[in-house]
Amino acid sequence: MRLTIFWERMADHFGAGYADSFARDHVMAELGGRTVHQALAAGWEAKDVWRGVCTAVGIPADKR
């Protein structure tokens, strides 16, 4: 998954204004105790980060 697609999905789910805030502030066990930005900076693949977000916040399977 490209980062542009990842950020589009984040904006679709959280809203354009909140997606980045969530990505900076929400620490998730699914990302090894990291935020989205920290996981991406640590070299995680965007698709794996998206899966972690989906699991953490309960995004339905049809949106994954």
N, C-alpha and C. Protein backbone atom coordinates (compact mmCIF):
# COMPACT_ATOMS: atom_id res chain seq x y z
N MET A 1 0.85 -1.18 0.00
CA MET A 1 0.00 0.00 0.00
C MET A 1 0.89 1.24 0.00
N ARG A 2 0.58 2.16 -0.87
CA ARG A 2 1.32 3.42 -0.90
C ARG A 2 0.87 4.32 0.24
N LEU A 3 1.76 5.21 0.66
CA LEU A 3 1.41 6.14 1.73
C LEU A 3 0.24 7.03 1.35
N THR A 4 0.13 7.40 0.09
CA THR A 4 -1.00 8.25 -0.32
C THR A 4 -2.32 7.53 -0.10
N ILE A 5 -2.37 6.24 -0.40
CA ILE A 5 -3.58 5.45 -0.17
C ILE A 5 -3.85 5.33 1.32
N PHE A 6 -2.78 5.09 2.08
CA PHE A 6 -2.92 5.00 3.53
C PHE A 6 -3.56 6.27 4.09
N TRP A 7 -3.02 7.42 3.71
CA TRP A 7 -3.54 8.68 4.25
C TRP A 7 -4.95 8.98 3.75
N GLU A 8 -5.28 8.53 2.55
CA GLU A 8 -6.65 8.68 2.05
C GLU A 8 -7.61 7.86 2.91
N ARG A 9 -7.21 6.65 3.25
CA ARG A 9 -8.06 5.80 4.10
C ARG A 9 -8.19 6.39 5.50
N MET A 10 -7.10 6.92 6.02
CA MET A 10 -7.17 7.57 7.34
C MET A 10 -8.15 8.74 7.30
N ALA A 11 -8.06 9.56 6.26
CA ALA A 11 -8.95 10.73 6.13
C ALA A 11 -10.39 10.29 5.93
N ASP A 12 -10.60 9.23 5.16
CA ASP A 12 -11.96 8.73 4.94
C ASP A 12 -12.59 8.27 6.25
N HIS A 13 -11.80 7.61 7.08
CA HIS A 13 -12.35 7.08 8.33
C HIS A 13 -12.46 8.14 9.43
N PHE A 14 -11.40 8.91 9.63
CA PHE A 14 -11.36 9.85 10.76
C PHE A 14 -11.75 11.27 10.39
N GLY A 15 -11.80 11.57 9.11
CA GLY A 15 -12.02 12.94 8.66
C GLY A 15 -10.67 13.61 8.42
N ALA A 16 -10.66 14.48 7.44
CA ALA A 16 -9.39 15.11 7.04
C ALA A 16 -8.74 15.88 8.18
N GLY A 17 -9.53 16.53 9.00
CA GLY A 17 -8.98 17.33 10.09
C GLY A 17 -8.46 16.52 11.27
N TYR A 18 -9.03 15.34 11.49
CA TYR A 18 -8.67 14.56 12.68
C TYR A 18 -7.65 13.46 12.39
N ALA A 19 -7.53 13.03 11.15
CA ALA A 19 -6.65 11.89 10.82
C ALA A 19 -5.21 12.11 11.28
N ASP A 20 -4.65 13.28 11.00
CA ASP A 20 -3.27 13.54 11.39
C ASP A 20 -3.13 13.65 12.91
N SER A 21 -4.10 14.26 13.55
CA SER A 21 -4.07 14.37 15.01
C SER A 21 -4.09 12.98 15.65
N PHE A 22 -4.98 12.13 15.16
CA PHE A 22 -5.04 10.76 15.66
C PHE A 22 -3.70 10.07 15.44
N ALA A 23 -3.13 10.24 14.24
CA ALA A 23 -1.88 9.58 13.89
C ALA A 23 -0.71 10.04 14.75
N ARG A 24 -0.76 11.26 15.23
CA ARG A 24 0.32 11.79 16.07
C ARG A 24 0.14 11.46 17.56
N ASP A 25 -1.09 11.35 18.00
CA ASP A 25 -1.35 11.29 19.44
C ASP A 25 -1.78 9.93 19.99
N HIS A 26 -2.35 9.08 19.17
CA HIS A 26 -2.92 7.83 19.67
C HIS A 26 -1.88 6.71 19.63
N VAL A 27 -1.45 6.27 20.80
CA VAL A 27 -0.49 5.18 20.93
C VAL A 27 -1.28 3.87 20.94
N MET A 28 -0.85 2.92 20.08
CA MET A 28 -1.59 1.66 19.94
C MET A 28 -0.71 0.47 20.22
N ALA A 29 -1.22 -0.45 21.01
CA ALA A 29 -0.52 -1.71 21.27
C ALA A 29 -0.28 -2.46 19.98
N GLU A 30 -1.21 -2.36 19.04
CA GLU A 30 -1.10 -3.06 17.76
C GLU A 30 0.09 -2.57 16.94
N LEU A 31 0.60 -1.41 17.27
CA LEU A 31 1.78 -0.86 16.59
C LEU A 31 3.01 -0.90 17.49
N GLY A 32 3.00 -1.80 18.44
CA GLY A 32 4.14 -1.95 19.33
C GLY A 32 4.30 -0.79 20.29
N GLY A 33 3.18 -0.20 20.71
CA GLY A 33 3.24 0.93 21.64
C GLY A 33 3.68 2.22 20.95
N ARG A 34 3.39 2.32 19.67
CA ARG A 34 3.76 3.51 18.89
C ARG A 34 2.52 4.20 18.36
N THR A 35 2.72 5.43 17.92
CA THR A 35 1.70 6.13 17.15
C THR A 35 1.87 5.74 15.69
N VAL A 36 0.92 6.13 14.87
CA VAL A 36 1.04 5.88 13.42
C VAL A 36 2.32 6.51 12.88
N HIS A 37 2.56 7.77 13.22
CA HIS A 37 3.76 8.45 12.71
C HIS A 37 5.03 7.76 13.17
N GLN A 38 5.07 7.33 14.42
CA GLN A 38 6.25 6.64 14.93
C GLN A 38 6.47 5.30 14.23
N ALA A 39 5.39 4.57 14.01
CA ALA A 39 5.51 3.27 13.33
C ALA A 39 6.01 3.46 11.90
N LEU A 40 5.47 4.43 11.19
CA LEU A 40 5.93 4.68 9.82
C LEU A 40 7.40 5.12 9.81
N ALA A 41 7.77 5.97 10.75
CA ALA A 41 9.16 6.44 10.83
C ALA A 41 10.11 5.30 11.19
N ALA A 42 9.61 4.31 11.93
CA ALA A 42 10.43 3.17 12.32
C ALA A 42 10.56 2.14 11.20
N GLY A 43 9.90 2.39 10.06
CA GLY A 43 10.04 1.51 8.93
C GLY A 43 8.92 0.52 8.71
N TRP A 44 7.85 0.63 9.49
CA TRP A 44 6.70 -0.25 9.28
C TRP A 44 6.11 0.03 7.90
N GLU A 45 5.62 -1.01 7.26
CA GLU A 45 4.91 -0.87 5.99
C GLU A 45 3.56 -0.21 6.24
N ALA A 46 3.13 0.63 5.32
CA ALA A 46 1.86 1.33 5.46
C ALA A 46 0.69 0.35 5.62
N LYS A 47 0.72 -0.77 4.89
CA LYS A 47 -0.37 -1.73 4.99
C LYS A 47 -0.44 -2.35 6.38
N ASP A 48 0.70 -2.57 7.02
CA ASP A 48 0.72 -3.13 8.37
C ASP A 48 0.23 -2.11 9.39
N VAL A 49 0.59 -0.86 9.18
CA VAL A 49 0.10 0.20 10.07
C VAL A 49 -1.40 0.32 9.92
N TRP A 50 -1.90 0.28 8.69
CA TRP A 50 -3.35 0.38 8.47
C TRP A 50 -4.07 -0.78 9.15
N ARG A 51 -3.53 -1.98 9.04
CA ARG A 51 -4.14 -3.14 9.71
C ARG A 51 -4.18 -2.94 11.23
N GLY A 52 -3.10 -2.38 11.77
CA GLY A 52 -3.06 -2.10 13.21
C GLY A 52 -4.11 -1.07 13.61
N VAL A 53 -4.25 -0.03 12.82
CA VAL A 53 -5.27 0.99 13.09
C VAL A 53 -6.65 0.35 13.03
N CYS A 54 -6.90 -0.45 12.00
CA CYS A 54 -8.20 -1.10 11.85
C CYS A 54 -8.55 -1.95 13.06
N THR A 55 -7.59 -2.71 13.52
CA THR A 55 -7.81 -3.56 14.69
C THR A 55 -8.04 -2.72 15.94
N ALA A 56 -7.24 -1.69 16.12
CA ALA A 56 -7.31 -0.86 17.32
C ALA A 56 -8.64 -0.14 17.47
N VAL A 57 -9.17 0.35 16.36
CA VAL A 57 -10.39 1.16 16.45
C VAL A 57 -11.63 0.46 15.92
N GLY A 58 -11.48 -0.80 15.51
CA GLY A 58 -12.64 -1.58 15.09
C GLY A 58 -13.21 -1.18 13.74
N ILE A 59 -12.35 -0.88 12.79
CA ILE A 59 -12.82 -0.57 11.45
C ILE A 59 -13.34 -1.86 10.83
N PRO A 60 -14.55 -1.84 10.27
CA PRO A 60 -15.14 -3.05 9.70
C PRO A 60 -14.29 -3.65 8.58
N ALA A 61 -14.40 -4.96 8.43
CA ALA A 61 -13.58 -5.68 7.45
C ALA A 61 -13.76 -5.15 6.03
N ASP A 62 -14.94 -4.69 5.67
CA ASP A 62 -15.16 -4.21 4.31
C ASP A 62 -14.47 -2.88 4.03
N LYS A 63 -13.98 -2.21 5.06
CA LYS A 63 -13.26 -0.94 4.92
C LYS A 63 -11.74 -1.13 4.98
N ARG A 64 -11.33 -2.34 5.25
CA ARG A 64 -9.89 -2.61 5.40
C ARG A 64 -9.30 -2.82 4.06
